[in-house]
Every structure is written in structure tokens, then in C-alpha cells.
Amino acid sequence: MFTKKAGSYFTLASILLILSLLFQDWQLAVLVLPIASLFFLTNAFGFPEKVDLELERRIIPSESFGEEDIRVEAWVRNKGDQPLDNVEVHEALAEKLAPHKGLNRVHSSLRPGEKMELSLEFPNPGRGHHRVGPLTVRVRDSFGLYLVERRLEPEVLAVMPRPEKVRGTELRPRHVGPWPGTIPARTSGSGSEFYSLRGYASGDDLKRINWKASARTNRLIVNETEAERVTDVMLVLDTDVAFFESSEKELFERSVRAAASVSSLLLRQGNRVGLILQGEERGIVPPGFGKRQERRILYMLATAKPGRALISTSYVITLLARMMLPARAQLVIISPLLEPDITEGIRQLVIAGYSVVVLSPLPEEPATFRSEAERLAFKITQLERANVLLSVEKICTLIQWPAGVPLSRKLQEAKRLRPPLHA
């Protein structure tokens, strides 16, 4: 295609021709010859008829947990049989991706079969989805009249929250699946905990014989263990952390880290786990198993942003839980509990038979307040939240997670808590 410079020359030539016709002055028409000669020479000698380029990009690593610098390597190869004298390569980067090594724009020439490399490195930009690209290659002739452009579409660099190594909380859902796992199923089967005694039947393992009970009854008695299964779990991350500006970011990042850690733990235990993001931006990962499901959840958590919910969290979790989970399954709600209406949603889920655990990161008090009125507002907010905590604690298992305390410790303490059967 033509460049802006070529367009200007065309316009100038057209004006000269029109003026020469209007004034019957052929000397003006002669001035068009140098411009026409320039285009002729460019077509004949300065620019190949076909420009064949191969573009490739690699982001190292393409997925990160925010602990290392990111390197971008791009290659452009001239696959044609003629040299290219004026080649510009530009890798578009977001504002946060500022290279501290290398350049994202280079100019060079390429002989047939030659490859040009662009390499740059920048500090890890932190949790989120960051667009790298598009990679644009522009080839111009020596006079700047013709332009061929090739483009490689952008790629996404995903910086995900790293799950912490936590030990499990003891889930007690009323629904378990048929697959073996770690959750007591309240029925006899393969497990580690004693369940009941029964008479010996042909084919029973001799190691399971209870010799004391057999001696008392004068017949062989065997121990039965409680079956251990897995369950369906839906994580709900409440992204509405509208609190005090100085505390919001830390509170939200702790909530995201908790969601990543708990989902990783539950998936390692063999459960079927899904995720709901609830706030100004919403998202859903349907329940699934395994490493791929963990990556899907972490990938969505990478994009999570705080914001006030436009639709009531109470309504959303009640509606989606019934649509996506079987009856009596398990919900884990991660929320700072700053919205009083959330209590009613939790109550409805418990009444419907779902087992609910609420993990609530505790907001930190700001180091300083700008005024006494702001300090008073903070205290009032804390009192309102304390009322919500008391209401939730009466309905289901509540885990309060203060800043600076390992999450694993708080999850283990939850083993001693048992939600009531009825709200």
C-alpha cells in the first residue's frame, strides 16, 4: 500500500496537472515528470513485488506467579528471494510493561533467508492479565513511498496468585460423590475411621477381625470403617471490599490468595471444585477436577478486581449455587462480610440443605486517620461488621482470618466448629 508521503506526491501531481490544463501552461505539466520518475524507479528497482515474512513470538514464562522477570523474544524472517532494506519491527506493550533490558522497536535490513531478533525484558507487572503485542513489522522502500505491513496478534501474559501450602479444613457436607476421597461419608466402606461391627462373611479380610468382640459373642466379628468420599465444592469470592482506601488493596489481595489456596487444597483432595467471582466484575468457572481445573481457577483469579457489586451478593450466590451444584453440596464463601444483606443469602442456602463455610479476612485498622470523623466512621463500620459476624456464626461455620496469621492455622481450627443443622 502507499504511504502518506506517496499520497502527498499524488496530490501534488494531480494539482499540477489540473493547473496546467486550466492555464494552458504545459511547463507546469513537465513538473509532474520527476514525481512520476520517482514512482517508476521505486517500482522497477527499489521494492520487491512480493514481501514474504515469517513472524514468531515467545513469552518466557507465559504464565507466572509474580516472582520473576518476564522476557519477550520475537523473530522476523525474510522468506522472499529479494533483500529488504528498510524494516521496522515494533512490539506494542502496555504502560505497566516498561522494558529495563532491550528495546521494543528496532530498524534493520534483511537479506533473503535472514532472521532478525527483538529481545526485551521487564519486571513482573504483578497479578493480572497483561497484553503483549501486537507485533507489527513494516517494510518500506528507500524513498518511503510504498509500505507492506504484517502483524502478529497480541498474546496474554497471565500473572496468577500463588496458592499457599495449607493443610485441610474438615468439610462435613451432607452430599458426597461416588469417588474415593477424604470426607467421611457416614456409611460403611473403604476408609480409616471405625464405623461399626458386623458378623464375619466369607471373603472378609482376616486383618479386620475384632478378636475381643469375637471372644465375647463366640462368633467372628469384623470391624467396618467409614467410607471416605469427595464432594462438590463451589468457592465464592466476594470482590466487594469497599472499606477504607488504605486497607482495601491488602484486604482484597488476601481474599484472592485465600481463594487460590483453598481451591488448590480442595482439588488436591480430589473434590470437584468451581469458582464464582461476585462484585462489580463477575465470572464463573464451572466445577471440575484436577490440575487443569486448578489452572482455570487461578487464571480467572488473575483477572479479579475489587469493586462494588451491582447485583446483591445474597441473590447471586443463592441463584448460582442452586443452578450449578447438587442439593446438599458444599459452599466456601470468601468475603470480608461488609454487606449486611449477605447474611440472608447464607441463611437461605443452609435452609436449602447446603453446607456452608465462610472464610472472612479481617480488615486491618489504618495506621493513621485524616480526621476524627474518619476514625469514628471506621469504628462504626467495624461495629456493623461485628453484627454481621454474629449473625453468620449462628448459621454456619465461620473462619475469621486476621492479617499476619497463617491461613493453614485458621483452617485447622475450623475442624472444631460444626454448623447447626437448621438455621
Protein backbone atom coordinates (compact mmCIF):
# COMPACT_ATOMS: atom_id res chain seq x y z
CA MET A 1 0.00 0.00 0.00
CA PHE A 2 1.03 3.65 -0.39
CA THR A 3 2.45 5.70 2.47
CA LYS A 4 1.30 9.19 3.46
CA LYS A 5 4.33 10.54 1.64
CA ALA A 6 3.22 8.82 -1.58
CA GLY A 7 -0.28 10.20 -1.09
CA SER A 8 1.15 13.72 -0.80
CA TYR A 9 3.10 13.26 -4.04
CA PHE A 10 -0.01 12.02 -5.83
CA THR A 11 -1.95 15.04 -4.59
CA LEU A 12 0.79 17.42 -5.72
CA ALA A 13 0.99 15.80 -9.16
CA SER A 14 -2.78 15.99 -9.55
CA ILE A 15 -2.82 19.69 -8.63
CA LEU A 16 -0.03 20.45 -11.12
CA LEU A 17 -1.88 18.63 -13.90
CA ILE A 18 -5.16 20.44 -13.17
CA LEU A 19 -3.42 23.82 -13.09
CA SER A 20 -1.60 23.11 -16.37
CA LEU A 21 -4.95 22.31 -18.03
CA LEU A 22 -6.68 25.38 -16.61
CA PHE A 23 -3.96 27.83 -17.59
CA GLN A 24 -2.83 26.02 -20.76
CA ASP A 25 0.69 26.07 -19.30
CA TRP A 26 2.47 22.83 -20.24
CA GLN A 27 5.56 23.84 -18.29
CA LEU A 28 3.58 23.02 -15.12
CA ALA A 29 2.82 19.58 -16.55
CA VAL A 30 6.52 18.98 -17.04
CA LEU A 31 6.98 19.31 -13.25
CA VAL A 32 4.99 16.08 -12.84
CA LEU A 33 7.73 14.09 -14.63
CA PRO A 34 10.18 13.99 -11.65
CA ILE A 35 7.41 12.66 -9.40
CA ALA A 36 6.39 10.05 -11.97
CA SER A 37 10.04 9.07 -12.42
CA LEU A 38 10.39 8.59 -8.68
CA PHE A 39 7.47 6.14 -8.63
CA PHE A 40 8.82 4.39 -11.73
CA LEU A 41 12.29 3.90 -10.21
CA THR A 42 10.79 2.67 -6.96
CA ASN A 43 8.63 0.09 -8.75
CA ALA A 44 11.45 -1.03 -11.01
CA PHE A 45 14.37 -1.24 -8.61
CA GLY A 46 13.53 -0.18 -5.07
CA PHE A 47 10.76 -2.50 -3.83
CA PRO A 48 10.13 -6.24 -4.39
CA GLU A 49 6.89 -7.35 -5.97
CA LYS A 50 6.23 -9.81 -3.12
CA VAL A 51 7.20 -9.45 0.54
CA ASP A 52 7.15 -12.81 2.35
CA LEU A 53 7.77 -12.58 6.10
CA GLU A 54 7.60 -15.11 8.94
CA LEU A 55 6.78 -13.73 12.39
CA GLU A 56 7.17 -15.54 15.70
CA ARG A 57 6.98 -14.54 19.37
CA ARG A 58 7.72 -16.26 22.67
CA ILE A 59 6.90 -15.00 26.19
CA ILE A 60 9.03 -16.55 28.94
CA PRO A 61 7.25 -17.54 31.11
CA SER A 62 3.81 -17.24 29.54
CA GLU A 63 2.22 -17.82 32.96
CA SER A 64 3.78 -16.57 36.17
CA PHE A 65 3.17 -16.28 39.89
CA GLY A 66 4.80 -12.85 40.02
CA GLU A 67 8.22 -13.95 41.22
CA GLU A 68 10.45 -13.49 38.16
CA ASP A 69 11.17 -11.01 35.37
CA ILE A 70 9.42 -11.55 32.05
CA ARG A 71 11.30 -11.92 28.78
CA VAL A 72 9.80 -11.44 25.33
CA GLU A 73 11.62 -12.78 22.28
CA ALA A 74 10.39 -12.07 18.74
CA TRP A 75 11.77 -13.10 15.34
CA VAL A 76 11.18 -11.83 11.82
CA ARG A 77 12.48 -13.88 8.89
CA ASN A 78 12.68 -12.77 5.26
CA LYS A 79 11.35 -15.79 3.33
CA GLY A 80 11.48 -13.97 -0.01
CA ASP A 81 14.28 -14.03 -2.60
CA GLN A 82 14.99 -10.28 -2.55
CA PRO A 83 16.61 -8.12 0.16
CA LEU A 84 14.52 -5.76 2.28
CA ASP A 85 16.38 -2.53 3.03
CA ASN A 86 14.04 -0.70 5.41
CA VAL A 87 12.43 -2.98 8.00
CA GLU A 88 10.85 -1.71 11.24
CA VAL A 89 9.80 -4.12 13.99
CA HIS A 90 7.62 -2.86 16.88
CA GLU A 91 6.27 -4.88 19.82
CA ALA A 92 3.43 -2.94 21.45
CA LEU A 93 3.46 -3.07 25.26
CA ALA A 94 1.06 -1.86 27.92
CA GLU A 95 2.16 1.07 30.07
CA LYS A 96 2.96 -1.20 33.02
CA LEU A 97 5.33 -3.30 30.91
CA ALA A 98 8.33 -0.97 30.76
CA PRO A 99 11.45 -2.77 29.45
CA HIS A 100 14.61 -2.41 31.52
CA LYS A 101 16.61 -4.57 29.09
CA GLY A 102 16.37 -4.43 25.32
CA LEU A 103 14.13 -2.35 23.04
CA ASN A 104 10.62 -2.95 21.75
CA ARG A 105 11.29 -1.12 18.46
CA VAL A 106 14.19 -1.80 16.05
CA HIS A 107 15.11 -0.85 12.46
CA SER A 108 17.25 -3.01 10.20
CA SER A 109 17.60 -4.63 6.78
CA LEU A 110 17.05 -8.28 5.91
CA ARG A 111 18.77 -10.33 3.24
CA PRO A 112 16.91 -13.33 1.75
CA GLY A 113 16.56 -16.03 4.43
CA GLU A 114 17.98 -13.77 7.16
CA LYS A 115 16.33 -13.59 10.59
CA MET A 116 16.15 -10.52 12.81
CA GLU A 117 15.57 -10.90 16.57
CA LEU A 118 13.95 -8.50 19.01
CA SER A 119 14.53 -9.28 22.69
CA LEU A 120 13.41 -7.37 25.76
CA GLU A 121 12.92 -7.94 29.48
CA PHE A 122 10.76 -6.17 32.03
CA PRO A 123 9.95 -6.57 35.74
CA ASN A 124 6.99 -8.73 36.63
CA PRO A 125 3.93 -6.44 36.47
CA GLY A 126 2.02 -8.22 39.23
CA ARG A 127 -1.24 -10.16 39.33
CA GLY A 128 -3.44 -9.71 36.28
CA HIS A 129 -3.79 -10.36 32.56
CA HIS A 130 -1.32 -8.22 30.59
CA ARG A 131 -1.43 -7.92 26.82
CA VAL A 132 1.84 -8.25 24.91
CA GLY A 133 1.56 -7.12 21.30
CA PRO A 134 0.56 -6.82 18.58
CA LEU A 135 3.95 -7.38 16.94
CA THR A 136 4.00 -5.13 13.87
CA VAL A 137 6.52 -5.34 11.03
CA ARG A 138 6.62 -2.56 8.42
CA VAL A 139 8.70 -2.78 5.25
CA ARG A 140 9.26 0.42 3.24
CA ASP A 141 11.18 1.23 0.07
CA SER A 142 14.18 3.54 0.13
CA PHE A 143 12.09 6.57 -0.90
CA GLY A 144 9.33 5.89 1.61
CA LEU A 145 6.56 5.60 -0.98
CA TYR A 146 5.39 2.01 -0.52
CA LEU A 147 4.61 0.16 2.67
CA VAL A 148 3.94 -3.52 3.44
CA GLU A 149 2.73 -4.31 6.95
CA ARG A 150 2.48 -7.68 8.71
CA ARG A 151 1.05 -8.16 12.16
CA LEU A 152 1.18 -10.91 14.79
CA GLU A 153 -1.82 -10.80 17.12
CA PRO A 154 -1.25 -9.99 20.82
CA GLU A 155 -0.82 -12.66 23.48
CA VAL A 156 -1.84 -12.57 27.14
CA LEU A 157 0.68 -12.79 29.94
CA ALA A 158 -1.16 -14.25 32.94
CA VAL A 159 0.27 -13.43 36.37
CA MET A 160 -1.67 -15.64 38.77
CA PRO A 161 -1.84 -15.72 42.58
CA ARG A 162 0.40 -18.43 44.04
CA PRO A 163 -1.54 -20.90 46.21
CA GLU A 164 -0.10 -21.27 49.70
CA LYS A 165 0.73 -24.69 51.08
CA VAL A 166 -2.13 -25.12 53.54
CA ARG A 167 -3.46 -28.07 55.42
CA GLY A 168 -7.06 -29.01 55.10
CA THR A 169 -10.15 -27.92 56.86
CA GLU A 170 -12.57 -30.71 57.69
CA LEU A 171 -15.60 -30.41 55.42
CA ARG A 172 -18.82 -32.07 56.54
CA PRO A 173 -21.20 -31.73 53.58
CA ARG A 174 -24.46 -33.66 53.51
CA HIS A 175 -23.77 -34.71 49.91
CA VAL A 176 -20.77 -36.75 48.76
CA GLY A 177 -19.98 -38.22 45.36
CA PRO A 178 -19.15 -41.81 44.47
CA TRP A 179 -15.40 -41.19 44.15
CA PRO A 180 -12.94 -42.03 46.95
CA GLY A 181 -11.55 -39.06 48.85
CA THR A 182 -11.07 -37.62 52.34
CA ILE A 183 -14.61 -36.75 53.50
CA PRO A 184 -16.41 -39.16 55.85
CA ALA A 185 -19.50 -40.45 54.04
CA ARG A 186 -21.50 -41.69 57.08
CA THR A 187 -21.68 -45.16 55.58
CA SER A 188 -19.53 -48.26 55.64
CA GLY A 189 -16.80 -48.65 53.06
CA SER A 190 -13.12 -48.14 52.46
CA GLY A 191 -11.71 -45.66 54.96
CA SER A 192 -9.55 -45.18 58.05
CA GLU A 193 -12.09 -44.41 60.82
CA PHE A 194 -14.11 -47.03 62.73
CA TYR A 195 -17.77 -47.15 61.73
CA SER A 196 -19.45 -50.30 63.14
CA LEU A 197 -19.21 -54.02 63.86
CA ARG A 198 -20.81 -56.85 61.91
CA GLY A 199 -20.61 -60.60 61.58
CA TYR A 200 -17.86 -62.19 59.54
CA ALA A 201 -18.74 -63.07 55.94
CA SER A 202 -16.85 -65.28 53.55
CA GLY A 203 -14.15 -63.27 51.77
CA ASP A 204 -13.62 -60.68 54.55
CA ASP A 205 -10.03 -59.68 55.25
CA LEU A 206 -8.79 -61.53 58.35
CA LYS A 207 -6.96 -58.40 59.46
CA ARG A 208 -10.33 -56.77 60.10
CA ILE A 209 -11.45 -59.36 62.65
CA ASN A 210 -12.14 -57.85 66.08
CA TRP A 211 -10.88 -60.63 68.34
CA LYS A 212 -12.20 -59.14 71.60
CA ALA A 213 -15.72 -58.79 70.23
CA SER A 214 -15.47 -62.27 68.70
CA ALA A 215 -14.49 -63.76 72.09
CA ARG A 216 -17.49 -62.14 73.79
CA THR A 217 -20.02 -63.35 71.23
CA ASN A 218 -18.45 -66.73 70.39
CA ARG A 219 -18.55 -65.87 66.65
CA LEU A 220 -16.28 -63.97 64.33
CA ILE A 221 -16.89 -60.21 64.29
CA VAL A 222 -15.20 -57.78 61.88
CA ASN A 223 -14.64 -54.02 62.05
CA GLU A 224 -16.24 -51.83 59.43
CA THR A 225 -14.70 -48.49 58.54
CA GLU A 226 -16.45 -45.33 57.44
CA ALA A 227 -16.27 -44.71 53.71
CA GLU A 228 -14.38 -41.61 52.61
CA ARG A 229 -15.56 -39.76 49.53
CA VAL A 230 -15.21 -36.43 47.73
CA THR A 231 -17.83 -33.74 47.27
CA ASP A 232 -18.84 -30.87 45.00
CA VAL A 233 -17.49 -27.54 46.25
CA MET A 234 -18.23 -24.06 44.94
CA LEU A 235 -15.92 -21.22 46.02
CA VAL A 236 -17.50 -17.78 46.08
CA LEU A 237 -15.08 -14.82 46.12
CA ASP A 238 -16.78 -11.61 47.20
CA THR A 239 -14.82 -8.82 45.49
CA ASP A 240 -16.83 -6.02 47.11
CA VAL A 241 -14.25 -4.73 49.61
CA ALA A 242 -15.35 -1.09 49.65
CA PHE A 243 -13.89 -0.12 53.02
CA PHE A 244 -11.11 2.38 53.71
CA GLU A 245 -8.94 3.13 50.70
CA SER A 246 -5.70 2.48 52.56
CA SER A 247 -6.91 -1.00 53.61
CA GLU A 248 -8.84 -2.13 50.52
CA LYS A 249 -5.93 -3.38 48.39
CA GLU A 250 -4.39 -5.51 51.15
CA LEU A 251 -7.78 -6.91 52.13
CA PHE A 252 -8.65 -7.81 48.54
CA GLU A 253 -5.29 -9.40 47.72
CA ARG A 254 -5.58 -11.52 50.86
CA SER A 255 -9.03 -12.68 49.74
CA VAL A 256 -7.68 -13.63 46.29
CA ARG A 257 -4.76 -15.51 47.87
CA ALA A 258 -7.17 -17.37 50.14
CA ALA A 259 -9.34 -18.39 47.15
CA ALA A 260 -6.28 -19.70 45.29
CA SER A 261 -5.02 -21.64 48.32
CA VAL A 262 -8.35 -23.19 49.28
CA SER A 263 -9.20 -24.21 45.70
CA SER A 264 -5.78 -25.82 45.29
CA LEU A 265 -6.20 -27.73 48.57
CA LEU A 266 -9.69 -28.99 47.72
CA LEU A 267 -8.64 -30.09 44.23
CA ARG A 268 -5.62 -31.96 45.65
CA GLN A 269 -8.04 -33.80 47.92
CA GLY A 270 -9.92 -34.97 44.82
CA ASN A 271 -13.02 -32.78 45.12
CA ARG A 272 -14.90 -31.26 42.20
CA VAL A 273 -14.37 -27.50 42.60
CA GLY A 274 -15.76 -24.41 40.87
CA LEU A 275 -15.44 -20.65 41.37
CA ILE A 276 -17.80 -17.68 41.35
CA LEU A 277 -16.45 -14.11 41.26
CA GLN A 278 -19.04 -11.75 42.67
CA GLY A 279 -18.64 -8.00 42.59
CA GLU A 280 -18.57 -5.20 40.03
CA GLU A 281 -16.99 -7.75 37.64
CA ARG A 282 -18.44 -11.25 37.70
CA GLY A 283 -17.16 -14.57 36.41
CA ILE A 284 -17.80 -18.30 36.74
CA VAL A 285 -15.63 -21.40 36.44
CA PRO A 286 -17.95 -24.46 36.40
CA PRO A 287 -16.99 -27.28 38.81
CA GLY A 288 -14.28 -29.66 37.62
CA PHE A 289 -11.43 -31.91 38.70
CA GLY A 290 -7.66 -31.91 38.54
CA LYS A 291 -4.71 -29.75 37.55
CA ARG A 292 -6.42 -28.22 34.53
CA GLN A 293 -9.28 -27.06 36.72
CA GLU A 294 -6.79 -25.50 39.16
CA ARG A 295 -5.23 -23.60 36.26
CA ARG A 296 -8.68 -22.38 35.10
CA ILE A 297 -9.45 -21.08 38.58
CA LEU A 298 -6.05 -19.39 39.01
CA TYR A 299 -6.37 -17.89 35.52
CA MET A 300 -9.68 -16.27 36.45
CA LEU A 301 -8.34 -15.13 39.83
CA ALA A 302 -5.55 -13.35 37.95
CA THR A 303 -8.17 -11.01 36.45
CA ALA A 304 -10.14 -10.40 39.67
CA LYS A 305 -10.56 -6.71 40.55
CA PRO A 306 -12.23 -5.12 43.55
CA GLY A 307 -15.45 -3.23 43.01
CA ARG A 308 -18.88 -2.68 44.48
CA ALA A 309 -21.39 -5.29 43.39
CA LEU A 310 -24.18 -4.07 41.11
CA ILE A 311 -26.33 -7.12 41.95
CA SER A 312 -26.84 -8.31 45.52
CA THR A 313 -24.28 -10.92 46.57
CA SER A 314 -27.01 -12.67 48.54
CA TYR A 315 -29.13 -13.09 45.40
CA VAL A 316 -26.21 -14.19 43.19
CA ILE A 317 -24.83 -16.92 45.44
CA THR A 318 -28.29 -18.31 46.15
CA LEU A 319 -29.24 -18.43 42.47
CA LEU A 320 -25.95 -19.80 41.10
CA ALA A 321 -25.50 -22.39 43.84
CA ARG A 322 -28.85 -23.97 43.03
CA MET A 323 -28.13 -23.86 39.28
CA MET A 324 -24.60 -25.35 39.41
CA LEU A 325 -24.47 -27.62 42.46
CA PRO A 326 -26.40 -30.72 43.50
CA ALA A 327 -28.52 -30.44 46.62
CA ARG A 328 -26.66 -30.59 49.96
CA ALA A 329 -23.26 -29.84 48.39
CA GLN A 330 -20.56 -27.62 49.92
CA LEU A 331 -20.04 -23.87 49.53
CA VAL A 332 -16.99 -21.94 50.70
CA ILE A 333 -17.65 -18.18 50.73
CA ILE A 334 -14.61 -15.90 50.98
CA SER A 335 -15.85 -12.48 51.97
CA PRO A 336 -14.92 -9.60 54.31
CA LEU A 337 -18.65 -9.56 55.20
CA LEU A 338 -19.05 -5.83 54.63
CA GLU A 339 -22.51 -6.21 53.07
CA PRO A 340 -25.20 -6.87 55.72
CA ASP A 341 -27.57 -8.46 53.15
CA ILE A 342 -25.19 -11.39 52.62
CA THR A 343 -26.46 -12.98 55.83
CA GLU A 344 -29.86 -13.68 54.34
CA GLY A 345 -28.34 -15.40 51.31
CA ILE A 346 -26.27 -17.68 53.55
CA ARG A 347 -29.36 -18.44 55.62
CA GLN A 348 -31.33 -19.48 52.54
CA LEU A 349 -28.53 -21.79 51.39
CA VAL A 350 -28.35 -23.51 54.78
CA ILE A 351 -32.13 -23.92 54.87
CA ALA A 352 -31.93 -25.47 51.40
CA GLY A 353 -29.55 -28.09 52.79
CA TYR A 354 -26.18 -26.79 51.58
CA SER A 355 -23.16 -26.96 53.86
CA VAL A 356 -21.61 -23.51 54.07
CA VAL A 357 -18.20 -22.36 55.33
CA VAL A 358 -17.45 -18.64 55.40
CA LEU A 359 -13.81 -17.54 55.40
CA SER A 360 -13.64 -13.86 56.30
CA PRO A 361 -10.34 -11.92 56.11
CA LEU A 362 -10.34 -9.31 58.87
CA PRO A 363 -9.77 -5.70 57.72
CA GLU A 364 -6.73 -4.01 59.24
CA GLU A 365 -7.10 -0.69 61.02
CA PRO A 366 -5.34 2.10 59.07
CA ALA A 367 -2.14 3.38 60.65
CA THR A 368 -3.39 6.96 60.57
CA PHE A 369 -6.70 8.76 60.09
CA ARG A 370 -7.09 12.10 58.35
CA SER A 371 -9.63 13.31 60.88
CA GLU A 372 -11.51 12.30 64.00
CA ALA A 373 -14.65 11.90 61.89
CA GLU A 374 -12.85 9.31 59.76
CA ARG A 375 -11.76 7.43 62.86
CA LEU A 376 -15.34 7.41 64.12
CA ALA A 377 -16.62 6.19 60.73
CA PHE A 378 -14.13 3.34 60.85
CA LYS A 379 -15.32 2.30 64.30
CA ILE A 380 -18.96 2.38 63.18
CA THR A 381 -18.12 0.22 60.15
CA GLN A 382 -16.36 -2.27 62.41
CA LEU A 383 -19.38 -2.45 64.72
CA GLU A 384 -21.71 -3.08 61.77
CA ARG A 385 -19.39 -5.82 60.53
CA ALA A 386 -19.30 -7.36 64.04
CA ASN A 387 -23.12 -7.65 63.93
CA VAL A 388 -22.89 -9.45 60.56
CA LEU A 389 -20.25 -11.81 62.00
CA LEU A 390 -22.51 -12.72 64.93
CA SER A 391 -25.41 -13.44 62.58
CA VAL A 392 -23.30 -15.59 60.24
CA GLU A 393 -21.74 -17.51 63.13
CA LYS A 394 -25.19 -18.67 64.21
CA ILE A 395 -25.95 -20.01 60.72
CA CYS A 396 -22.79 -21.78 59.53
CA THR A 397 -19.10 -22.38 60.13
CA LEU A 398 -17.26 -19.04 60.27
CA ILE A 399 -13.48 -18.72 59.99
CA GLN A 400 -12.09 -15.28 60.80
CA TRP A 401 -8.63 -14.71 59.33
CA PRO A 402 -6.61 -11.84 60.81
CA ALA A 403 -3.69 -10.36 58.90
CA GLY A 404 -0.34 -11.89 59.81
CA VAL A 405 -1.82 -15.24 60.89
CA PRO A 406 -1.10 -18.27 58.64
CA LEU A 407 -4.20 -19.36 56.76
CA SER A 408 -3.39 -23.00 57.46
CA ARG A 409 -3.75 -22.45 61.21
CA LYS A 410 -7.20 -20.88 60.85
CA LEU A 411 -8.39 -23.69 58.56
CA GLN A 412 -7.29 -26.32 61.06
CA GLU A 413 -9.09 -24.52 63.88
CA ALA A 414 -12.28 -24.83 61.83
CA LYS A 415 -12.26 -28.61 62.49
CA ARG A 416 -13.65 -27.96 65.94
CA LEU A 417 -16.58 -25.97 64.59
CA ARG A 418 -19.82 -27.60 63.49
CA PRO A 419 -22.60 -25.68 61.76
CA PRO A 420 -26.12 -26.29 63.10
CA LEU A 421 -28.38 -28.47 61.02
CA HIS A 422 -31.03 -25.78 60.87
CA ALA A 423 -30.76 -22.01 60.60
